[in-house]
């Protein structure tokens, strides 16, 4: 899966791919205020807004 993701290219740019080994706690979520800040960086595709998301750097 990582090799496939690394082989992708969009507008001449390859994605930066890392495998996280971190274990996350279940049931933890962001506050609405924190999520609004993150949403400002997201660009959702109108056809697949839940799955096709471009995340802009800060």
PDB file of N, CA and C in Angstrom:
ATOM      1  N   UNK A   1       0.820  -1.183   0.000  1.00  0.00           N
ATOM      2  CA  UNK A   1       0.000   0.000   0.000  1.00  0.00           C
ATOM      3  C   UNK A   1       0.871   1.257   0.000  1.00  0.00           C
ATOM      4  N   UNK A   2       1.953   1.263   0.795  1.00  0.00           N
ATOM      5  CA  UNK A   2       2.816   2.446   0.836  1.00  0.00           C
ATOM      6  C   UNK A   2       3.472   2.696  -0.515  1.00  0.00           C
ATOM      7  N   UNK A   3       3.952   1.630  -1.156  1.00  0.00           N
ATOM      8  CA  UNK A   3       4.596   1.786  -2.465  1.00  0.00           C
ATOM      9  C   UNK A   3       3.609   2.349  -3.479  1.00  0.00           C
ATOM     10  N   UNK A   4       2.377   1.867  -3.428  1.00  0.00           N
ATOM     11  CA  UNK A   4       1.353   2.371  -4.336  1.00  0.00           C
ATOM     12  C   UNK A   4       1.106   3.858  -4.093  1.00  0.00           C
ATOM     13  N   UNK A   5       0.984   4.253  -2.831  1.00  0.00           N
ATOM     14  CA  UNK A   5       0.743   5.659  -2.499  1.00  0.00           C
ATOM     15  C   UNK A   5       1.922   6.531  -2.916  1.00  0.00           C
ATOM     16  N   UNK A   6       3.148   6.027  -2.744  1.00  0.00           N
ATOM     17  CA  UNK A   6       4.334   6.796  -3.121  1.00  0.00           C
ATOM     18  C   UNK A   6       4.437   6.969  -4.630  1.00  0.00           C
ATOM     19  N   UNK A   7       3.855   6.041  -5.391  1.00  0.00           N
ATOM     20  CA  UNK A   7       3.936   6.117  -6.849  1.00  0.00           C
ATOM     21  C   UNK A   7       2.948   7.120  -7.439  1.00  0.00           C
ATOM     22  N   UNK A   8       2.022   7.604  -6.645  1.00  0.00           N
ATOM     23  CA  UNK A   8       1.029   8.564  -7.134  1.00  0.00           C
ATOM     24  C   UNK A   8       1.707   9.888  -7.483  1.00  0.00           C
ATOM     25  N   UNK A   9       1.082  10.629  -8.357  1.00  0.00           N
ATOM     26  CA  UNK A   9       1.585  11.955  -8.716  1.00  0.00           C
ATOM     27  C   UNK A   9       0.384  12.821  -9.107  1.00  0.00           C
ATOM     28  N   UNK A  10       0.404  14.062  -8.678  1.00  0.00           N
ATOM     29  CA  UNK A  10      -0.662  14.992  -9.015  1.00  0.00           C
ATOM     30  C   UNK A  10      -0.039  16.342  -9.326  1.00  0.00           C
ATOM     31  N   UNK A  11      -0.278  16.818 -10.521  1.00  0.00           N
ATOM     32  CA  UNK A  11       0.273  18.102 -10.959  1.00  0.00           C
ATOM     33  C   UNK A  11       1.789  18.132 -10.802  1.00  0.00           C
ATOM     34  N   UNK A  12       2.432  16.988 -11.085  1.00  0.00           N
ATOM     35  CA  UNK A  12       3.887  16.898 -11.021  1.00  0.00           C
ATOM     36  C   UNK A  12       4.451  16.740  -9.623  1.00  0.00           C
ATOM     37  N   UNK A  13       3.603  16.525  -8.635  1.00  0.00           N
ATOM     38  CA  UNK A  13       4.056  16.437  -7.243  1.00  0.00           C
ATOM     39  C   UNK A  13       3.737  15.053  -6.690  1.00  0.00           C
ATOM     40  N   UNK A  14       4.751  14.417  -6.069  1.00  0.00           N
ATOM     41  CA  UNK A  14       4.555  13.143  -5.388  1.00  0.00           C
ATOM     42  C   UNK A  14       4.182  13.414  -3.931  1.00  0.00           C
ATOM     43  N   UNK A  15       3.331  12.586  -3.348  1.00  0.00           N
ATOM     44  CA  UNK A  15       2.978  12.779  -1.938  1.00  0.00           C
ATOM     45  C   UNK A  15       4.119  12.354  -1.019  1.00  0.00           C
ATOM     46  N   UNK A  16       4.131  12.886   0.172  1.00  0.00           N
ATOM     47  CA  UNK A  16       5.067  12.456   1.210  1.00  0.00           C
ATOM     48  C   UNK A  16       4.336  11.397   2.023  1.00  0.00           C
ATOM     49  N   UNK A  17       4.904  10.202   2.075  1.00  0.00           N
ATOM     50  CA  UNK A  17       4.248   9.063   2.717  1.00  0.00           C
ATOM     51  C   UNK A  17       5.078   8.589   3.895  1.00  0.00           C
ATOM     52  N   UNK A  18       4.444   8.411   5.032  1.00  0.00           N
ATOM     53  CA  UNK A  18       5.095   7.846   6.218  1.00  0.00           C
ATOM     54  C   UNK A  18       4.148   6.849   6.862  1.00  0.00           C
ATOM     55  N   UNK A  19       4.702   5.761   7.384  1.00  0.00           N
ATOM     56  CA  UNK A  19       3.912   4.796   8.134  1.00  0.00           C
ATOM     57  C   UNK A  19       4.062   5.110   9.610  1.00  0.00           C
ATOM     58  N   UNK A  20       2.968   5.415  10.247  1.00  0.00           N
ATOM     59  CA  UNK A  20       2.992   5.730  11.672  1.00  0.00           C
ATOM     60  C   UNK A  20       2.927   4.443  12.484  1.00  0.00           C
ATOM     61  N   UNK A  21       3.812   4.308  13.445  1.00  0.00           N
ATOM     62  CA  UNK A  21       3.824   3.146  14.337  1.00  0.00           C
ATOM     63  C   UNK A  21       3.134   3.469  15.663  1.00  0.00           C
ATOM     64  N   UNK A  22       2.631   4.686  15.776  1.00  0.00           N
ATOM     65  CA  UNK A  22       2.019   5.142  17.016  1.00  0.00           C
ATOM     66  C   UNK A  22       0.681   4.437  17.262  1.00  0.00           C
ATOM     67  N   UNK A  23       0.428   4.113  18.498  1.00  0.00           N
ATOM     68  CA  UNK A  23      -0.851   3.546  18.903  1.00  0.00           C
ATOM     69  C   UNK A  23      -1.683   4.664  19.520  1.00  0.00           C
ATOM     70  N   UNK A  24      -2.864   4.858  18.982  1.00  0.00           N
ATOM     71  CA  UNK A  24      -3.732   5.929  19.445  1.00  0.00           C
ATOM     72  C   UNK A  24      -4.794   5.375  20.383  1.00  0.00           C
ATOM     73  N   UNK A  25      -5.181   6.183  21.356  1.00  0.00           N
ATOM     74  CA  UNK A  25      -6.263   5.799  22.255  1.00  0.00           C
ATOM     75  C   UNK A  25      -7.589   5.884  21.512  1.00  0.00           C
ATOM     76  N   UNK A  26      -8.489   5.005  21.859  1.00  0.00           N
ATOM     77  CA  UNK A  26      -9.825   5.035  21.262  1.00  0.00           C
ATOM     78  C   UNK A  26     -10.683   6.068  21.983  1.00  0.00           C
ATOM     79  N   UNK A  27     -11.632   6.624  21.257  1.00  0.00           N
ATOM     80  CA  UNK A  27     -12.597   7.516  21.873  1.00  0.00           C
ATOM     81  C   UNK A  27     -12.119   8.948  22.067  1.00  0.00           C
ATOM     82  N   UNK A  28     -10.932   9.276  21.567  1.00  0.00           N
ATOM     83  CA  UNK A  28     -10.405  10.637  21.687  1.00  0.00           C
ATOM     84  C   UNK A  28     -10.835  11.416  20.447  1.00  0.00           C
ATOM     85  N   UNK A  29     -11.353  12.606  20.626  1.00  0.00           N
ATOM     86  CA  UNK A  29     -11.749  13.422  19.485  1.00  0.00           C
ATOM     87  C   UNK A  29     -11.390  14.879  19.739  1.00  0.00           C
ATOM     88  N   UNK A  30     -11.354  15.630  18.651  1.00  0.00           N
ATOM     89  CA  UNK A  30     -11.039  17.051  18.739  1.00  0.00           C
ATOM     90  C   UNK A  30     -12.252  17.837  19.219  1.00  0.00           C
ATOM     91  N   UNK A  31     -11.977  18.980  19.820  1.00  0.00           N
ATOM     92  CA  UNK A  31     -13.069  19.892  20.140  1.00  0.00           C
ATOM     93  C   UNK A  31     -13.563  20.504  18.831  1.00  0.00           C
ATOM     94  N   UNK A  32     -14.747  21.046  18.832  1.00  0.00           N
ATOM     95  CA  UNK A  32     -15.279  21.678  17.622  1.00  0.00           C
ATOM     96  C   UNK A  32     -14.394  22.836  17.183  1.00  0.00           C
ATOM     97  N   UNK A  33     -13.861  23.583  18.142  1.00  0.00           N
ATOM     98  CA  UNK A  33     -12.987  24.708  17.819  1.00  0.00           C
ATOM     99  C   UNK A  33     -11.712  24.215  17.140  1.00  0.00           C
ATOM    100  N   UNK A  34     -11.103  23.162  17.666  1.00  0.00           N
ATOM    101  CA  UNK A  34      -9.878  22.612  17.078  1.00  0.00           C
ATOM    102  C   UNK A  34     -10.154  22.073  15.672  1.00  0.00           C
ATOM    103  N   UNK A  35     -11.288  21.427  15.482  1.00  0.00           N
ATOM    104  CA  UNK A  35     -11.630  20.884  14.170  1.00  0.00           C
ATOM    105  C   UNK A  35     -11.869  21.992  13.160  1.00  0.00           C
ATOM    106  N   UNK A  36     -12.464  23.103  13.571  1.00  0.00           N
ATOM    107  CA  UNK A  36     -12.662  24.238  12.658  1.00  0.00           C
ATOM    108  C   UNK A  36     -11.326  24.754  12.147  1.00  0.00           C
ATOM    109  N   UNK A  37     -10.311  24.795  13.004  1.00  0.00           N
ATOM    110  CA  UNK A  37      -8.979  25.248  12.593  1.00  0.00           C
ATOM    111  C   UNK A  37      -8.387  24.300  11.552  1.00  0.00           C
ATOM    112  N   UNK A  38      -8.566  23.011  11.745  1.00  0.00           N
ATOM    113  CA  UNK A  38      -8.052  22.034  10.783  1.00  0.00           C
ATOM    114  C   UNK A  38      -8.834  22.107   9.478  1.00  0.00           C
ATOM    115  N   UNK A  39     -10.137  22.269   9.565  1.00  0.00           N
ATOM    116  CA  UNK A  39     -10.980  22.347   8.367  1.00  0.00           C
ATOM    117  C   UNK A  39     -10.556  23.492   7.445  1.00  0.00           C
ATOM    118  N   UNK A  40      -9.987  24.550   7.989  1.00  0.00           N
ATOM    119  CA  UNK A  40      -9.523  25.673   7.168  1.00  0.00           C
ATOM    120  C   UNK A  40      -8.436  25.241   6.195  1.00  0.00           C
ATOM    121  N   UNK A  41      -7.692  24.182   6.540  1.00  0.00           N
ATOM    122  CA  UNK A  41      -6.583  23.700   5.714  1.00  0.00           C
ATOM    123  C   UNK A  41      -7.013  22.637   4.709  1.00  0.00           C
ATOM    124  N   UNK A  42      -8.250  22.190   4.769  1.00  0.00           N
ATOM    125  CA  UNK A  42      -8.709  21.099   3.919  1.00  0.00           C
ATOM    126  C   UNK A  42      -9.430  21.617   2.688  1.00  0.00           C
ATOM    127  N   UNK A  43      -9.130  20.992   1.556  1.00  0.00           N
ATOM    128  CA  UNK A  43      -9.853  21.260   0.314  1.00  0.00           C
ATOM    129  C   UNK A  43     -10.485  19.950  -0.118  1.00  0.00           C
ATOM    130  N   UNK A  44     -11.804  19.896  -0.081  1.00  0.00           N
ATOM    131  CA  UNK A  44     -12.523  18.665  -0.397  1.00  0.00           C
ATOM    132  C   UNK A  44     -12.996  18.667  -1.853  1.00  0.00           C
ATOM    133  N   UNK A  45     -12.828  17.531  -2.507  1.00  0.00           N
ATOM    134  CA  UNK A  45     -13.309  17.366  -3.871  1.00  0.00           C
ATOM    135  C   UNK A  45     -14.837  17.306  -3.839  1.00  0.00           C
ATOM    136  N   UNK A  46     -15.523  18.055  -4.703  1.00  0.00           N
ATOM    137  CA  UNK A  46     -16.986  18.068  -4.670  1.00  0.00           C
ATOM    138  C   UNK A  46     -17.618  16.700  -4.964  1.00  0.00           C
ATOM    139  N   UNK A  47     -16.941  15.857  -5.742  1.00  0.00           N
ATOM    140  CA  UNK A  47     -17.512  14.555  -6.082  1.00  0.00           C
ATOM    141  C   UNK A  47     -17.341  13.522  -4.973  1.00  0.00           C
ATOM    142  N   UNK A  48     -16.230  13.580  -4.240  1.00  0.00           N
ATOM    143  CA  UNK A  48     -15.955  12.635  -3.150  1.00  0.00           C
ATOM    144  C   UNK A  48     -15.439  13.388  -1.929  1.00  0.00           C
ATOM    145  N   UNK A  49     -16.239  14.254  -1.333  1.00  0.00           N
ATOM    146  CA  UNK A  49     -15.745  15.129  -0.266  1.00  0.00           C
ATOM    147  C   UNK A  49     -15.278  14.402   0.992  1.00  0.00           C
ATOM    148  N   UNK A  50     -15.784  13.210   1.229  1.00  0.00           N
ATOM    149  CA  UNK A  50     -15.390  12.475   2.433  1.00  0.00           C
ATOM    150  C   UNK A  50     -14.028  11.797   2.263  1.00  0.00           C
ATOM    151  N   UNK A  51     -13.678  11.416   1.022  1.00  0.00           N
ATOM    152  CA  UNK A  51     -12.466  10.640   0.794  1.00  0.00           C
ATOM    153  C   UNK A  51     -11.380  11.382   0.029  1.00  0.00           C
ATOM    154  N   UNK A  52     -11.728  12.323  -0.809  1.00  0.00           N
ATOM    155  CA  UNK A  52     -10.740  13.025  -1.638  1.00  0.00           C
ATOM    156  C   UNK A  52     -10.487  14.403  -1.030  1.00  0.00           C
ATOM    157  N   UNK A  53      -9.465  14.473  -0.170  1.00  0.00           N
ATOM    158  CA  UNK A  53      -9.182  15.697   0.582  1.00  0.00           C
ATOM    159  C   UNK A  53      -7.726  16.096   0.388  1.00  0.00           C
ATOM    160  N   UNK A  54      -7.503  17.342   0.028  1.00  0.00           N
ATOM    161  CA  UNK A  54      -6.157  17.905  -0.048  1.00  0.00           C
ATOM    162  C   UNK A  54      -5.914  18.662   1.251  1.00  0.00           C
ATOM    163  N   UNK A  55      -4.822  18.340   1.937  1.00  0.00           N
ATOM    164  CA  UNK A  55      -4.492  18.997   3.202  1.00  0.00           C
ATOM    165  C   UNK A  55      -3.369  19.990   2.939  1.00  0.00           C
ATOM    166  N   UNK A  56      -3.663  21.249   3.107  1.00  0.00           N
ATOM    167  CA  UNK A  56      -2.670  22.307   2.909  1.00  0.00           C
ATOM    168  C   UNK A  56      -1.819  22.464   4.170  1.00  0.00           C
ATOM    169  N   UNK A  57      -0.510  22.757   4.010  1.00  0.00           N
ATOM    170  CA  UNK A  57       0.322  23.020   5.194  1.00  0.00           C
ATOM    171  C   UNK A  57      -0.113  24.307   5.881  1.00  0.00           C
ATOM    172  N   UNK A  58       0.309  24.472   7.098  1.00  0.00           N
ATOM    173  CA  UNK A  58      -0.026  25.702   7.856  1.00  0.00           C
ATOM    174  C   UNK A  58       0.490  26.922   7.169  1.00  0.00           C
TER     175      UNK A  58
END
